[in-house]
Amino acid sequence: MMDEGIGRMHDAIPSLPAEQATLCRLMSMVGKRMDEGLEEKLKPHQLNHSEFLTLMILHSRPDGSSTPGELCEFTSQGSTNMTRIGNALVQRGLVSRGASAEDRRCVLIRITAAGRRFVQKMLPPMFPHTEAMFAGFSAAERKQFSRLLRKLAKNLDQLDAEDAS
């Protein structure tokens, strides 16, 4: 149905880049399905995607901390929403918020020991679903897919930079 619709649009507007439009639509559909699946897995843990991503970023950092500004950039969230995310995670005891030891004017959000335990407990049950999404993909295909998606991400970053100037 999608291919037929894009084909009809291409017939009506011959300059439509049909192949690229199809790829964009497929990525949008896949991304939506992945987001919905993740939200479903997070629901029993009373987390949303933004809170989960924030915890994953903090857990992956060598010292377990980041500034709110960095977290906004890494999660594509605005400062108001990052404040809400931080407040929710602080309230649950998964992160703490305080001044940096190096610069007291700088606020740091740091994952707590309870936050680390929470991540280590909640993630492993998600692994089979993640692996199943890529069933039938060879290691070489997954590597190529990663390379292509990174290339697309780089192009999008360049477009953002051009739009900003």
C-alpha atoms as a PDB file:
ATOM      1  CA  MET A   1       0.000   0.000   0.000  1.00  0.00           C
ATOM      2  CA  MET A   2       2.824   2.377   0.887  1.00  0.00           C
ATOM      3  CA  ASP A   3       4.646   1.653  -2.380  1.00  0.00           C
ATOM      4  CA  GLU A   4       1.452   2.180  -4.372  1.00  0.00           C
ATOM      5  CA  GLY A   5       0.756   5.485  -2.639  1.00  0.00           C
ATOM      6  CA  ILE A   6       4.258   6.780  -3.198  1.00  0.00           C
ATOM      7  CA  GLY A   7       4.041   5.549  -6.806  1.00  0.00           C
ATOM      8  CA  ARG A   8       0.838   7.540  -7.337  1.00  0.00           C
ATOM      9  CA  MET A   9       2.459  10.604  -5.767  1.00  0.00           C
ATOM     10  CA  HIS A  10       5.451  10.159  -8.116  1.00  0.00           C
ATOM     11  CA  ASP A  11       3.059   9.961 -11.088  1.00  0.00           C
ATOM     12  CA  ALA A  12       1.401  13.212  -9.969  1.00  0.00           C
ATOM     13  CA  ILE A  13       4.688  14.918  -9.087  1.00  0.00           C
ATOM     14  CA  PRO A  14       7.439  13.373 -11.241  1.00  0.00           C
ATOM     15  CA  SER A  15      10.209  15.208  -9.390  1.00  0.00           C
ATOM     16  CA  LEU A  16       9.302  13.324  -6.180  1.00  0.00           C
ATOM     17  CA  PRO A  17      12.333  11.231  -5.165  1.00  0.00           C
ATOM     18  CA  ALA A  18      10.242   8.058  -4.761  1.00  0.00           C
ATOM     19  CA  GLU A  19      13.036   5.774  -3.579  1.00  0.00           C
ATOM     20  CA  GLN A  20      14.128   8.217  -0.873  1.00  0.00           C
ATOM     21  CA  ALA A  21      10.501   8.893   0.112  1.00  0.00           C
ATOM     22  CA  THR A  22       9.964   5.135   0.491  1.00  0.00           C
ATOM     23  CA  LEU A  23      13.076   4.813   2.645  1.00  0.00           C
ATOM     24  CA  CYS A  24      11.956   7.734   4.841  1.00  0.00           C
ATOM     25  CA  ARG A  25       8.498   6.205   5.277  1.00  0.00           C
ATOM     26  CA  LEU A  26       9.942   2.774   6.093  1.00  0.00           C
ATOM     27  CA  MET A  27      12.299   4.266   8.695  1.00  0.00           C
ATOM     28  CA  SER A  28       9.453   6.258  10.202  1.00  0.00           C
ATOM     29  CA  MET A  29       7.258   3.159  10.444  1.00  0.00           C
ATOM     30  CA  VAL A  30      10.067   1.012  11.884  1.00  0.00           C
ATOM     31  CA  GLY A  31      11.075   3.727  14.337  1.00  0.00           C
ATOM     32  CA  LYS A  32       7.497   4.114  15.539  1.00  0.00           C
ATOM     33  CA  ARG A  33       7.154   0.349  16.052  1.00  0.00           C
ATOM     34  CA  MET A  34      10.457   0.226  17.933  1.00  0.00           C
ATOM     35  CA  ASP A  35       9.439   3.168  20.142  1.00  0.00           C
ATOM     36  CA  GLU A  36       6.078   1.544  20.888  1.00  0.00           C
ATOM     37  CA  GLY A  37       7.779  -1.741  21.753  1.00  0.00           C
ATOM     38  CA  LEU A  38      10.242   0.008  24.047  1.00  0.00           C
ATOM     39  CA  GLU A  39       7.488   1.990  25.774  1.00  0.00           C
ATOM     40  CA  GLU A  40       5.624  -1.280  26.382  1.00  0.00           C
ATOM     41  CA  LYS A  41       8.746  -2.824  27.963  1.00  0.00           C
ATOM     42  CA  LEU A  42       9.299   0.281  30.116  1.00  0.00           C
ATOM     43  CA  LYS A  43       5.726   0.573  31.375  1.00  0.00           C
ATOM     44  CA  PRO A  44       6.084  -2.046  34.163  1.00  0.00           C
ATOM     45  CA  HIS A  45       9.089  -0.060  35.440  1.00  0.00           C
ATOM     46  CA  GLN A  46       7.112   3.216  35.465  1.00  0.00           C
ATOM     47  CA  LEU A  47       9.600   4.780  33.023  1.00  0.00           C
ATOM     48  CA  ASN A  48       9.092   6.605  29.774  1.00  0.00           C
ATOM     49  CA  HIS A  49      11.525   6.643  26.854  1.00  0.00           C
ATOM     50  CA  SER A  50      13.181   9.945  27.866  1.00  0.00           C
ATOM     51  CA  GLU A  51      13.755   8.796  31.442  1.00  0.00           C
ATOM     52  CA  PHE A  52      15.109   5.458  30.199  1.00  0.00           C
ATOM     53  CA  LEU A  53      17.486   7.148  27.762  1.00  0.00           C
ATOM     54  CA  THR A  54      18.704   9.513  30.483  1.00  0.00           C
ATOM     55  CA  LEU A  55      19.438   6.568  32.784  1.00  0.00           C
ATOM     56  CA  MET A  56      21.235   4.692  29.973  1.00  0.00           C
ATOM     57  CA  ILE A  57      23.428   7.706  29.223  1.00  0.00           C
ATOM     58  CA  LEU A  58      24.332   8.214  32.871  1.00  0.00           C
ATOM     59  CA  HIS A  59      24.968   4.485  33.384  1.00  0.00           C
ATOM     60  CA  SER A  60      27.303   4.454  30.374  1.00  0.00           C
ATOM     61  CA  ARG A  61      29.357   7.458  31.469  1.00  0.00           C
ATOM     62  CA  PRO A  62      32.669   6.573  33.205  1.00  0.00           C
ATOM     63  CA  ASP A  63      31.782   8.586  36.298  1.00  0.00           C
ATOM     64  CA  GLY A  64      28.015   8.151  35.956  1.00  0.00           C
ATOM     65  CA  SER A  65      27.348  11.865  35.653  1.00  0.00           C
ATOM     66  CA  SER A  66      26.467  14.521  33.128  1.00  0.00           C
ATOM     67  CA  THR A  67      25.267  18.097  33.049  1.00  0.00           C
ATOM     68  CA  PRO A  68      21.625  18.844  32.259  1.00  0.00           C
ATOM     69  CA  GLY A  69      22.767  20.596  29.067  1.00  0.00           C
ATOM     70  CA  GLU A  70      24.653  17.540  27.854  1.00  0.00           C
ATOM     71  CA  LEU A  71      21.682  15.334  28.676  1.00  0.00           C
ATOM     72  CA  CYS A  72      19.400  17.664  26.702  1.00  0.00           C
ATOM     73  CA  GLU A  73      21.704  17.323  23.707  1.00  0.00           C
ATOM     74  CA  PHE A  74      22.117  13.544  23.983  1.00  0.00           C
ATOM     75  CA  THR A  75      18.400  12.875  24.496  1.00  0.00           C
ATOM     76  CA  SER A  76      17.053  15.582  22.142  1.00  0.00           C
ATOM     77  CA  GLN A  77      15.025  17.038  25.011  1.00  0.00           C
ATOM     78  CA  GLY A  78      14.480  20.666  25.949  1.00  0.00           C
ATOM     79  CA  SER A  79      15.682  22.060  29.257  1.00  0.00           C
ATOM     80  CA  THR A  80      12.167  22.203  30.742  1.00  0.00           C
ATOM     81  CA  ASN A  81      11.555  18.532  29.961  1.00  0.00           C
ATOM     82  CA  MET A  82      15.032  17.575  31.213  1.00  0.00           C
ATOM     83  CA  THR A  83      14.200  19.280  34.514  1.00  0.00           C
ATOM     84  CA  ARG A  84      11.016  17.181  34.730  1.00  0.00           C
ATOM     85  CA  ILE A  85      12.968  14.008  33.841  1.00  0.00           C
ATOM     86  CA  GLY A  86      15.628  14.815  36.439  1.00  0.00           C
ATOM     87  CA  ASN A  87      12.996  15.518  39.091  1.00  0.00           C
ATOM     88  CA  ALA A  88      11.202  12.223  38.382  1.00  0.00           C
ATOM     89  CA  LEU A  89      14.432  10.200  38.537  1.00  0.00           C
ATOM     90  CA  VAL A  90      15.638  12.023  41.690  1.00  0.00           C
ATOM     91  CA  GLN A  91      12.284  11.352  43.361  1.00  0.00           C
ATOM     92  CA  ARG A  92      12.700   7.628  42.630  1.00  0.00           C
ATOM     93  CA  GLY A  93      16.257   7.662  43.996  1.00  0.00           C
ATOM     94  CA  LEU A  94      17.735   6.614  40.642  1.00  0.00           C
ATOM     95  CA  VAL A  95      19.797   9.787  40.180  1.00  0.00           C
ATOM     96  CA  SER A  96      21.052  12.618  42.334  1.00  0.00           C
ATOM     97  CA  ARG A  97      21.503  16.260  41.445  1.00  0.00           C
ATOM     98  CA  GLY A  98      24.221  18.456  42.873  1.00  0.00           C
ATOM     99  CA  ALA A  99      27.067  20.851  42.246  1.00  0.00           C
ATOM    100  CA  SER A 100      30.216  19.737  40.473  1.00  0.00           C
ATOM    101  CA  ALA A 101      33.277  19.307  42.695  1.00  0.00           C
ATOM    102  CA  GLU A 102      35.362  21.189  40.106  1.00  0.00           C
ATOM    103  CA  ASP A 103      32.938  24.082  39.577  1.00  0.00           C
ATOM    104  CA  ARG A 104      30.250  24.677  42.188  1.00  0.00           C
ATOM    105  CA  ARG A 105      28.258  26.714  39.637  1.00  0.00           C
ATOM    106  CA  CYS A 106      27.880  23.637  37.424  1.00  0.00           C
ATOM    107  CA  VAL A 107      25.016  21.231  38.188  1.00  0.00           C
ATOM    108  CA  LEU A 108      25.635  17.520  37.687  1.00  0.00           C
ATOM    109  CA  ILE A 109      23.116  14.736  37.462  1.00  0.00           C
ATOM    110  CA  ARG A 110      24.634  11.468  38.657  1.00  0.00           C
ATOM    111  CA  ILE A 111      23.252   7.950  38.607  1.00  0.00           C
ATOM    112  CA  THR A 112      22.988   6.481  42.101  1.00  0.00           C
ATOM    113  CA  ALA A 113      23.944   2.969  43.189  1.00  0.00           C
ATOM    114  CA  ALA A 114      20.209   2.204  43.253  1.00  0.00           C
ATOM    115  CA  GLY A 115      19.959   3.560  39.698  1.00  0.00           C
ATOM    116  CA  ARG A 116      22.773   1.279  38.551  1.00  0.00           C
ATOM    117  CA  ARG A 117      21.108  -1.737  40.184  1.00  0.00           C
ATOM    118  CA  PHE A 118      17.792  -0.775  38.594  1.00  0.00           C
ATOM    119  CA  VAL A 119      19.346  -0.606  35.102  1.00  0.00           C
ATOM    120  CA  GLN A 120      21.214  -3.876  35.582  1.00  0.00           C
ATOM    121  CA  LYS A 121      17.997  -5.595  36.661  1.00  0.00           C
ATOM    122  CA  MET A 122      15.625  -4.150  34.043  1.00  0.00           C
ATOM    123  CA  LEU A 123      17.808  -4.402  30.922  1.00  0.00           C
ATOM    124  CA  PRO A 124      18.562  -8.147  30.580  1.00  0.00           C
ATOM    125  CA  PRO A 125      14.896  -9.158  30.101  1.00  0.00           C
ATOM    126  CA  MET A 126      14.793  -6.747  27.136  1.00  0.00           C
ATOM    127  CA  PHE A 127      17.693  -8.444  25.314  1.00  0.00           C
ATOM    128  CA  PRO A 128      15.714 -11.292  23.688  1.00  0.00           C
ATOM    129  CA  HIS A 129      13.284  -8.797  22.091  1.00  0.00           C
ATOM    130  CA  THR A 130      16.173  -6.676  20.819  1.00  0.00           C
ATOM    131  CA  GLU A 131      17.897  -9.740  19.377  1.00  0.00           C
ATOM    132  CA  ALA A 132      14.637 -10.958  17.799  1.00  0.00           C
ATOM    133  CA  MET A 133      14.219  -7.658  15.939  1.00  0.00           C
ATOM    134  CA  PHE A 134      17.346  -8.509  13.985  1.00  0.00           C
ATOM    135  CA  ALA A 135      16.630 -12.210  13.443  1.00  0.00           C
ATOM    136  CA  GLY A 136      17.683 -13.212   9.966  1.00  0.00           C
ATOM    137  CA  PHE A 137      20.298 -10.465   9.735  1.00  0.00           C
ATOM    138  CA  SER A 138      23.833 -11.777   9.396  1.00  0.00           C
ATOM    139  CA  ALA A 139      26.649 -10.142  11.345  1.00  0.00           C
ATOM    140  CA  ALA A 140      27.823  -8.539   8.095  1.00  0.00           C
ATOM    141  CA  GLU A 141      24.321  -7.179   7.392  1.00  0.00           C
ATOM    142  CA  ARG A 142      24.046  -5.706  10.901  1.00  0.00           C
ATOM    143  CA  LYS A 143      27.452  -4.063  10.477  1.00  0.00           C
ATOM    144  CA  GLN A 144      26.468  -2.649   7.071  1.00  0.00           C
ATOM    145  CA  PHE A 145      23.115  -1.464   8.444  1.00  0.00           C
ATOM    146  CA  SER A 146      24.908   0.314  11.289  1.00  0.00           C
ATOM    147  CA  ARG A 147      27.323   1.930   8.843  1.00  0.00           C
ATOM    148  CA  LEU A 148      24.480   3.116   6.609  1.00  0.00           C
ATOM    149  CA  LEU A 149      22.429   4.501   9.491  1.00  0.00           C
ATOM    150  CA  ARG A 150      25.484   6.376  10.788  1.00  0.00           C
ATOM    151  CA  LYS A 151      26.012   7.805   7.309  1.00  0.00           C
ATOM    152  CA  LEU A 152      22.376   8.957   7.260  1.00  0.00           C
ATOM    153  CA  ALA A 153      22.758  10.456  10.763  1.00  0.00           C
ATOM    154  CA  LYS A 154      25.832  12.370   9.585  1.00  0.00           C
ATOM    155  CA  ASN A 155      23.886  13.721   6.610  1.00  0.00           C
ATOM    156  CA  LEU A 156      21.075  14.827   8.929  1.00  0.00           C
ATOM    157  CA  ASP A 157      23.597  16.567  11.209  1.00  0.00           C
ATOM    158  CA  GLN A 158      25.022  18.390   8.178  1.00  0.00           C
ATOM    159  CA  LEU A 159      21.533  19.463   7.095  1.00  0.00           C
ATOM    160  CA  ASP A 160      20.837  20.774  10.612  1.00  0.00           C
ATOM    161  CA  ALA A 161      24.104  22.740  10.549  1.00  0.00           C
ATOM    162  CA  GLU A 162      23.249  24.212   7.130  1.00  0.00           C
ATOM    163  CA  ASP A 163      19.739  25.133   8.291  1.00  0.00           C
ATOM    164  CA  ALA A 164      21.180  26.837  11.385  1.00  0.00           C
ATOM    165  CA  SER A 165      23.508  29.048   9.329  1.00  0.00           C
END
